[in-house]
């Protein structure tokens, strides 16, 4: 494993661990979308954050590991 892959993997796993620990302190429903008046329009479960954790890493991986 290269140093670059190791760093990104450690960051991904570290972020996931921090978010996993934080989910115990979050409310059950978290607002994700606010309208122009500042009112929450869309709520999601606190576990939804854990599902979104790998998305930035996957996007980064897609753009940095293009096949030649």
PDB file of N, CA and C in Angstrom:
ATOM      1  N   UNK A   1       0.845  -1.167   0.000  1.00  0.00           N
ATOM      2  CA  UNK A   1       0.000   0.000   0.000  1.00  0.00           C
ATOM      3  C   UNK A   1       0.891   1.230   0.000  1.00  0.00           C
ATOM      4  N   UNK A   2       0.597   2.155  -0.896  1.00  0.00           N
ATOM      5  CA  UNK A   2       1.418   3.360  -0.978  1.00  0.00           C
ATOM      6  C   UNK A   2       1.080   4.308   0.172  1.00  0.00           C
ATOM      7  N   UNK A   3       1.967   5.260   0.388  1.00  0.00           N
ATOM      8  CA  UNK A   3       1.784   6.212   1.482  1.00  0.00           C
ATOM      9  C   UNK A   3       0.517   7.043   1.262  1.00  0.00           C
ATOM     10  N   UNK A   4       0.240   7.394   0.009  1.00  0.00           N
ATOM     11  CA  UNK A   4      -0.940   8.191  -0.314  1.00  0.00           C
ATOM     12  C   UNK A   4      -2.225   7.418   0.022  1.00  0.00           C
ATOM     13  N   UNK A   5      -2.276   6.155  -0.327  1.00  0.00           N
ATOM     14  CA  UNK A   5      -3.445   5.333  -0.015  1.00  0.00           C
ATOM     15  C   UNK A   5      -3.583   5.104   1.484  1.00  0.00           C
ATOM     16  N   UNK A   6      -2.475   4.974   2.167  1.00  0.00           N
ATOM     17  CA  UNK A   6      -2.507   4.767   3.612  1.00  0.00           C
ATOM     18  C   UNK A   6      -3.084   5.993   4.317  1.00  0.00           C
ATOM     19  N   UNK A   7      -2.660   7.178   3.904  1.00  0.00           N
ATOM     20  CA  UNK A   7      -3.154   8.410   4.521  1.00  0.00           C
ATOM     21  C   UNK A   7      -4.653   8.565   4.298  1.00  0.00           C
ATOM     22  N   UNK A   8      -5.112   8.342   3.083  1.00  0.00           N
ATOM     23  CA  UNK A   8      -6.545   8.492   2.811  1.00  0.00           C
ATOM     24  C   UNK A   8      -7.361   7.429   3.547  1.00  0.00           C
ATOM     25  N   UNK A   9      -6.833   6.231   3.650  1.00  0.00           N
ATOM     26  CA  UNK A   9      -7.541   5.177   4.380  1.00  0.00           C
ATOM     27  C   UNK A   9      -7.633   5.497   5.864  1.00  0.00           C
ATOM     28  N   UNK A  10      -6.556   5.996   6.440  1.00  0.00           N
ATOM     29  CA  UNK A  10      -6.556   6.358   7.858  1.00  0.00           C
ATOM     30  C   UNK A  10      -7.543   7.502   8.102  1.00  0.00           C
ATOM     31  N   UNK A  11      -7.572   8.489   7.200  1.00  0.00           N
ATOM     32  CA  UNK A  11      -8.524   9.592   7.347  1.00  0.00           C
ATOM     33  C   UNK A  11      -9.967   9.107   7.257  1.00  0.00           C
ATOM     34  N   UNK A  12     -10.242   8.212   6.335  1.00  0.00           N
ATOM     35  CA  UNK A  12     -11.594   7.679   6.183  1.00  0.00           C
ATOM     36  C   UNK A  12     -12.011   6.896   7.426  1.00  0.00           C
ATOM     37  N   UNK A  13     -11.155   6.022   7.893  1.00  0.00           N
ATOM     38  CA  UNK A  13     -11.474   5.208   9.069  1.00  0.00           C
ATOM     39  C   UNK A  13     -11.580   6.086  10.318  1.00  0.00           C
ATOM     40  N   UNK A  14     -10.680   7.061  10.438  1.00  0.00           N
ATOM     41  CA  UNK A  14     -10.730   7.977  11.586  1.00  0.00           C
ATOM     42  C   UNK A  14     -12.006   8.795  11.607  1.00  0.00           C
ATOM     43  N   UNK A  15     -12.411   9.291  10.455  1.00  0.00           N
ATOM     44  CA  UNK A  15     -13.660  10.046  10.361  1.00  0.00           C
ATOM     45  C   UNK A  15     -14.845   9.179  10.733  1.00  0.00           C
ATOM     46  N   UNK A  16     -14.859   7.951  10.244  1.00  0.00           N
ATOM     47  CA  UNK A  16     -15.951   7.038  10.547  1.00  0.00           C
ATOM     48  C   UNK A  16     -16.024   6.753  12.046  1.00  0.00           C
ATOM     49  N   UNK A  17     -14.881   6.570  12.694  1.00  0.00           N
ATOM     50  CA  UNK A  17     -14.857   6.294  14.133  1.00  0.00           C
ATOM     51  C   UNK A  17     -15.376   7.497  14.926  1.00  0.00           C
ATOM     52  N   UNK A  18     -14.953   8.693  14.537  1.00  0.00           N
ATOM     53  CA  UNK A  18     -15.422   9.902  15.225  1.00  0.00           C
ATOM     54  C   UNK A  18     -16.930  10.061  15.059  1.00  0.00           C
ATOM     55  N   UNK A  19     -17.426   9.860  13.832  1.00  0.00           N
ATOM     56  CA  UNK A  19     -18.862   9.973  13.604  1.00  0.00           C
ATOM     57  C   UNK A  19     -19.648   8.882  14.335  1.00  0.00           C
ATOM     58  N   UNK A  20     -19.090   7.709  14.405  1.00  0.00           N
ATOM     59  CA  UNK A  20     -19.747   6.621  15.139  1.00  0.00           C
ATOM     60  C   UNK A  20     -19.876   6.983  16.616  1.00  0.00           C
ATOM     61  N   UNK A  21     -18.821   7.545  17.190  1.00  0.00           N
ATOM     62  CA  UNK A  21     -18.881   7.960  18.592  1.00  0.00           C
ATOM     63  C   UNK A  21     -19.847   9.136  18.770  1.00  0.00           C
ATOM     64  N   UNK A  22     -19.900  10.041  17.801  1.00  0.00           N
ATOM     65  CA  UNK A  22     -20.774  11.211  17.904  1.00  0.00           C
ATOM     66  C   UNK A  22     -22.248  10.847  17.783  1.00  0.00           C
ATOM     67  N   UNK A  23     -22.577   9.758  17.110  1.00  0.00           N
ATOM     68  CA  UNK A  23     -23.986   9.404  16.930  1.00  0.00           C
ATOM     69  C   UNK A  23     -24.695   9.137  18.257  1.00  0.00           C
ATOM     70  N   UNK A  24     -23.969   8.771  19.277  1.00  0.00           N
ATOM     71  CA  UNK A  24     -24.597   8.533  20.571  1.00  0.00           C
ATOM     72  C   UNK A  24     -25.056   9.834  21.228  1.00  0.00           C
ATOM     73  N   UNK A  25     -24.500  10.978  20.789  1.00  0.00           N
ATOM     74  CA  UNK A  25     -24.835  12.267  21.388  1.00  0.00           C
ATOM     75  C   UNK A  25     -25.756  13.108  20.511  1.00  0.00           C
ATOM     76  N   UNK A  26     -26.039  12.650  19.306  1.00  0.00           N
ATOM     77  CA  UNK A  26     -26.891  13.397  18.383  1.00  0.00           C
ATOM     78  C   UNK A  26     -28.366  13.095  18.633  1.00  0.00           C
ATOM     79  N   UNK A  27     -29.235  14.043  18.259  1.00  0.00           N
ATOM     80  CA  UNK A  27     -30.676  13.750  18.359  1.00  0.00           C
ATOM     81  C   UNK A  27     -31.070  12.709  17.312  1.00  0.00           C
ATOM     82  N   UNK A  28     -32.233  12.102  17.498  1.00  0.00           N
ATOM     83  CA  UNK A  28     -32.681  11.052  16.573  1.00  0.00           C
ATOM     84  C   UNK A  28     -32.873  11.571  15.147  1.00  0.00           C
ATOM     85  N   UNK A  29     -33.386  12.780  15.009  1.00  0.00           N
ATOM     86  CA  UNK A  29     -33.608  13.363  13.684  1.00  0.00           C
ATOM     87  C   UNK A  29     -32.734  14.597  13.524  1.00  0.00           C
ATOM     88  N   UNK A  30     -32.007  14.673  12.408  1.00  0.00           N
ATOM     89  CA  UNK A  30     -31.115  15.791  12.131  1.00  0.00           C
ATOM     90  C   UNK A  30     -31.619  16.514  10.886  1.00  0.00           C
ATOM     91  N   UNK A  31     -31.780  17.852  10.951  1.00  0.00           N
ATOM     92  CA  UNK A  31     -32.210  18.585   9.759  1.00  0.00           C
ATOM     93  C   UNK A  31     -31.068  18.670   8.742  1.00  0.00           C
ATOM     94  N   UNK A  32     -31.389  18.417   7.478  1.00  0.00           N
ATOM     95  CA  UNK A  32     -30.371  18.442   6.432  1.00  0.00           C
ATOM     96  C   UNK A  32     -30.608  19.519   5.389  1.00  0.00           C
ATOM     97  N   UNK A  33     -31.817  19.978   5.270  1.00  0.00           N
ATOM     98  CA  UNK A  33     -32.123  20.977   4.256  1.00  0.00           C
ATOM     99  C   UNK A  33     -32.924  22.097   4.895  1.00  0.00           C
ATOM    100  N   UNK A  34     -32.515  23.334   4.613  1.00  0.00           N
ATOM    101  CA  UNK A  34     -33.212  24.494   5.150  1.00  0.00           C
ATOM    102  C   UNK A  34     -33.707  25.347   3.995  1.00  0.00           C
ATOM    103  N   UNK A  35     -34.901  25.927   4.153  1.00  0.00           N
ATOM    104  CA  UNK A  35     -35.443  26.782   3.105  1.00  0.00           C
ATOM    105  C   UNK A  35     -34.946  28.216   3.296  1.00  0.00           C
ATOM    106  N   UNK A  36     -35.473  29.140   2.507  1.00  0.00           N
ATOM    107  CA  UNK A  36     -35.029  30.533   2.548  1.00  0.00           C
ATOM    108  C   UNK A  36     -35.360  31.207   3.873  1.00  0.00           C
ATOM    109  N   UNK A  37     -36.345  30.708   4.575  1.00  0.00           N
ATOM    110  CA  UNK A  37     -36.738  31.278   5.872  1.00  0.00           C
ATOM    111  C   UNK A  37     -35.943  30.689   7.028  1.00  0.00           C
ATOM    112  N   UNK A  38     -35.064  29.757   6.736  1.00  0.00           N
ATOM    113  CA  UNK A  38     -34.255  29.126   7.778  1.00  0.00           C
ATOM    114  C   UNK A  38     -34.950  27.982   8.493  1.00  0.00           C
ATOM    115  N   UNK A  39     -36.069  27.530   7.936  1.00  0.00           N
ATOM    116  CA  UNK A  39     -36.798  26.422   8.543  1.00  0.00           C
ATOM    117  C   UNK A  39     -36.348  25.099   7.930  1.00  0.00           C
ATOM    118  N   UNK A  40     -36.229  24.107   8.762  1.00  0.00           N
ATOM    119  CA  UNK A  40     -35.793  22.794   8.285  1.00  0.00           C
ATOM    120  C   UNK A  40     -36.900  22.166   7.443  1.00  0.00           C
ATOM    121  N   UNK A  41     -36.528  21.682   6.273  1.00  0.00           N
ATOM    122  CA  UNK A  41     -37.507  21.082   5.386  1.00  0.00           C
ATOM    123  C   UNK A  41     -37.325  19.590   5.214  1.00  0.00           C
ATOM    124  N   UNK A  42     -36.143  19.086   5.528  1.00  0.00           N
ATOM    125  CA  UNK A  42     -35.881  17.663   5.357  1.00  0.00           C
ATOM    126  C   UNK A  42     -35.066  17.169   6.532  1.00  0.00           C
ATOM    127  N   UNK A  43     -35.534  16.117   7.170  1.00  0.00           N
ATOM    128  CA  UNK A  43     -34.857  15.519   8.305  1.00  0.00           C
ATOM    129  C   UNK A  43     -34.399  14.116   7.934  1.00  0.00           C
ATOM    130  N   UNK A  44     -33.334  13.679   8.566  1.00  0.00           N
ATOM    131  CA  UNK A  44     -32.852  12.313   8.361  1.00  0.00           C
ATOM    132  C   UNK A  44     -32.452  11.730   9.713  1.00  0.00           C
ATOM    133  N   UNK A  45     -32.369  10.438   9.744  1.00  0.00           N
ATOM    134  CA  UNK A  45     -31.935   9.742  10.944  1.00  0.00           C
ATOM    135  C   UNK A  45     -30.469  10.062  11.228  1.00  0.00           C
ATOM    136  N   UNK A  46     -30.090   9.988  12.478  1.00  0.00           N
ATOM    137  CA  UNK A  46     -28.697  10.258  12.815  1.00  0.00           C
ATOM    138  C   UNK A  46     -27.746   9.228  12.208  1.00  0.00           C
ATOM    139  N   UNK A  47     -28.252   8.071  11.854  1.00  0.00           N
ATOM    140  CA  UNK A  47     -27.410   7.045  11.248  1.00  0.00           C
ATOM    141  C   UNK A  47     -27.168   7.290   9.763  1.00  0.00           C
ATOM    142  N   UNK A  48     -27.907   8.216   9.194  1.00  0.00           N
ATOM    143  CA  UNK A  48     -27.719   8.579   7.790  1.00  0.00           C
ATOM    144  C   UNK A  48     -26.320   9.160   7.555  1.00  0.00           C
ATOM    145  N   UNK A  49     -25.781   9.848   8.559  1.00  0.00           N
ATOM    146  CA  UNK A  49     -24.435  10.414   8.453  1.00  0.00           C
ATOM    147  C   UNK A  49     -23.404   9.309   8.240  1.00  0.00           C
ATOM    148  N   UNK A  50     -23.601   8.186   8.897  1.00  0.00           N
ATOM    149  CA  UNK A  50     -22.652   7.077   8.750  1.00  0.00           C
ATOM    150  C   UNK A  50     -22.684   6.509   7.326  1.00  0.00           C
ATOM    151  N   UNK A  51     -23.840   6.563   6.695  1.00  0.00           N
ATOM    152  CA  UNK A  51     -23.928   6.082   5.316  1.00  0.00           C
ATOM    153  C   UNK A  51     -23.215   7.018   4.343  1.00  0.00           C
ATOM    154  N   UNK A  52     -23.206   8.305   4.659  1.00  0.00           N
ATOM    155  CA  UNK A  52     -22.583   9.283   3.768  1.00  0.00           C
ATOM    156  C   UNK A  52     -21.079   9.448   3.983  1.00  0.00           C
ATOM    157  N   UNK A  53     -20.536   8.864   5.020  1.00  0.00           N
ATOM    158  CA  UNK A  53     -19.116   9.031   5.330  1.00  0.00           C
ATOM    159  C   UNK A  53     -18.189   8.642   4.174  1.00  0.00           C
ATOM    160  N   UNK A  54     -18.378   7.510   3.508  1.00  0.00           N
ATOM    161  CA  UNK A  54     -17.430   7.133   2.457  1.00  0.00           C
ATOM    162  C   UNK A  54     -17.613   7.879   1.136  1.00  0.00           C
ATOM    163  N   UNK A  55     -18.665   8.659   0.964  1.00  0.00           N
ATOM    164  CA  UNK A  55     -18.934   9.305  -0.330  1.00  0.00           C
ATOM    165  C   UNK A  55     -17.797  10.233  -0.770  1.00  0.00           C
ATOM    166  N   UNK A  56     -17.310  11.173   0.073  1.00  0.00           N
ATOM    167  CA  UNK A  56     -16.201  12.021  -0.387  1.00  0.00           C
ATOM    168  C   UNK A  56     -14.952  11.214  -0.756  1.00  0.00           C
ATOM    169  N   UNK A  57     -14.673  10.166   0.022  1.00  0.00           N
ATOM    170  CA  UNK A  57     -13.513   9.330  -0.286  1.00  0.00           C
ATOM    171  C   UNK A  57     -13.691   8.630  -1.628  1.00  0.00           C
ATOM    172  N   UNK A  58     -14.871   8.119  -1.895  1.00  0.00           N
ATOM    173  CA  UNK A  58     -15.115   7.426  -3.162  1.00  0.00           C
ATOM    174  C   UNK A  58     -14.996   8.376  -4.350  1.00  0.00           C
ATOM    175  N   UNK A  59     -15.466   9.599  -4.188  1.00  0.00           N
ATOM    176  CA  UNK A  59     -15.320  10.595  -5.258  1.00  0.00           C
ATOM    177  C   UNK A  59     -13.847  10.912  -5.470  1.00  0.00           C
ATOM    178  N   UNK A  60     -13.119  11.126  -4.379  1.00  0.00           N
ATOM    179  CA  UNK A  60     -11.685  11.394  -4.475  1.00  0.00           C
ATOM    180  C   UNK A  60     -10.965  10.230  -5.158  1.00  0.00           C
ATOM    181  N   UNK A  61     -11.287   9.023  -4.756  1.00  0.00           N
ATOM    182  CA  UNK A  61     -10.645   7.840  -5.321  1.00  0.00           C
ATOM    183  C   UNK A  61     -10.943   7.719  -6.818  1.00  0.00           C
ATOM    184  N   UNK A  62     -12.162   8.038  -7.202  1.00  0.00           N
ATOM    185  CA  UNK A  62     -12.552   7.940  -8.613  1.00  0.00           C
ATOM    186  C   UNK A  62     -11.730   8.885  -9.490  1.00  0.00           C
ATOM    187  N   UNK A  63     -11.493  10.106  -8.998  1.00  0.00           N
ATOM    188  CA  UNK A  63     -10.775  11.087  -9.802  1.00  0.00           C
ATOM    189  C   UNK A  63      -9.265  10.924  -9.754  1.00  0.00           C
ATOM    190  N   UNK A  64      -8.733  10.310  -8.708  1.00  0.00           N
ATOM    191  CA  UNK A  64      -7.283  10.180  -8.598  1.00  0.00           C
ATOM    192  C   UNK A  64      -6.742   8.849  -9.101  1.00  0.00           C
ATOM    193  N   UNK A  65      -7.594   7.879  -9.327  1.00  0.00           N
ATOM    194  CA  UNK A  65      -7.137   6.565  -9.779  1.00  0.00           C
ATOM    195  C   UNK A  65      -7.740   6.205 -11.131  1.00  0.00           C
ATOM    196  N   UNK A  66      -7.557   7.105 -12.071  1.00  0.00           N
ATOM    197  CA  UNK A  66      -8.076   6.832 -13.414  1.00  0.00           C
ATOM    198  C   UNK A  66      -7.199   5.814 -14.113  1.00  0.00           C
ATOM    199  N   UNK A  67      -7.825   4.944 -14.846  1.00  0.00           N
ATOM    200  CA  UNK A  67      -7.068   3.956 -15.617  1.00  0.00           C
ATOM    201  C   UNK A  67      -6.509   4.629 -16.863  1.00  0.00           C
ATOM    202  N   UNK A  68      -5.314   4.221 -17.225  1.00  0.00           N
ATOM    203  CA  UNK A  68      -4.658   4.824 -18.394  1.00  0.00           C
ATOM    204  C   UNK A  68      -5.017   4.109 -19.662  1.00  0.00           C
TER     205      UNK A  68
END
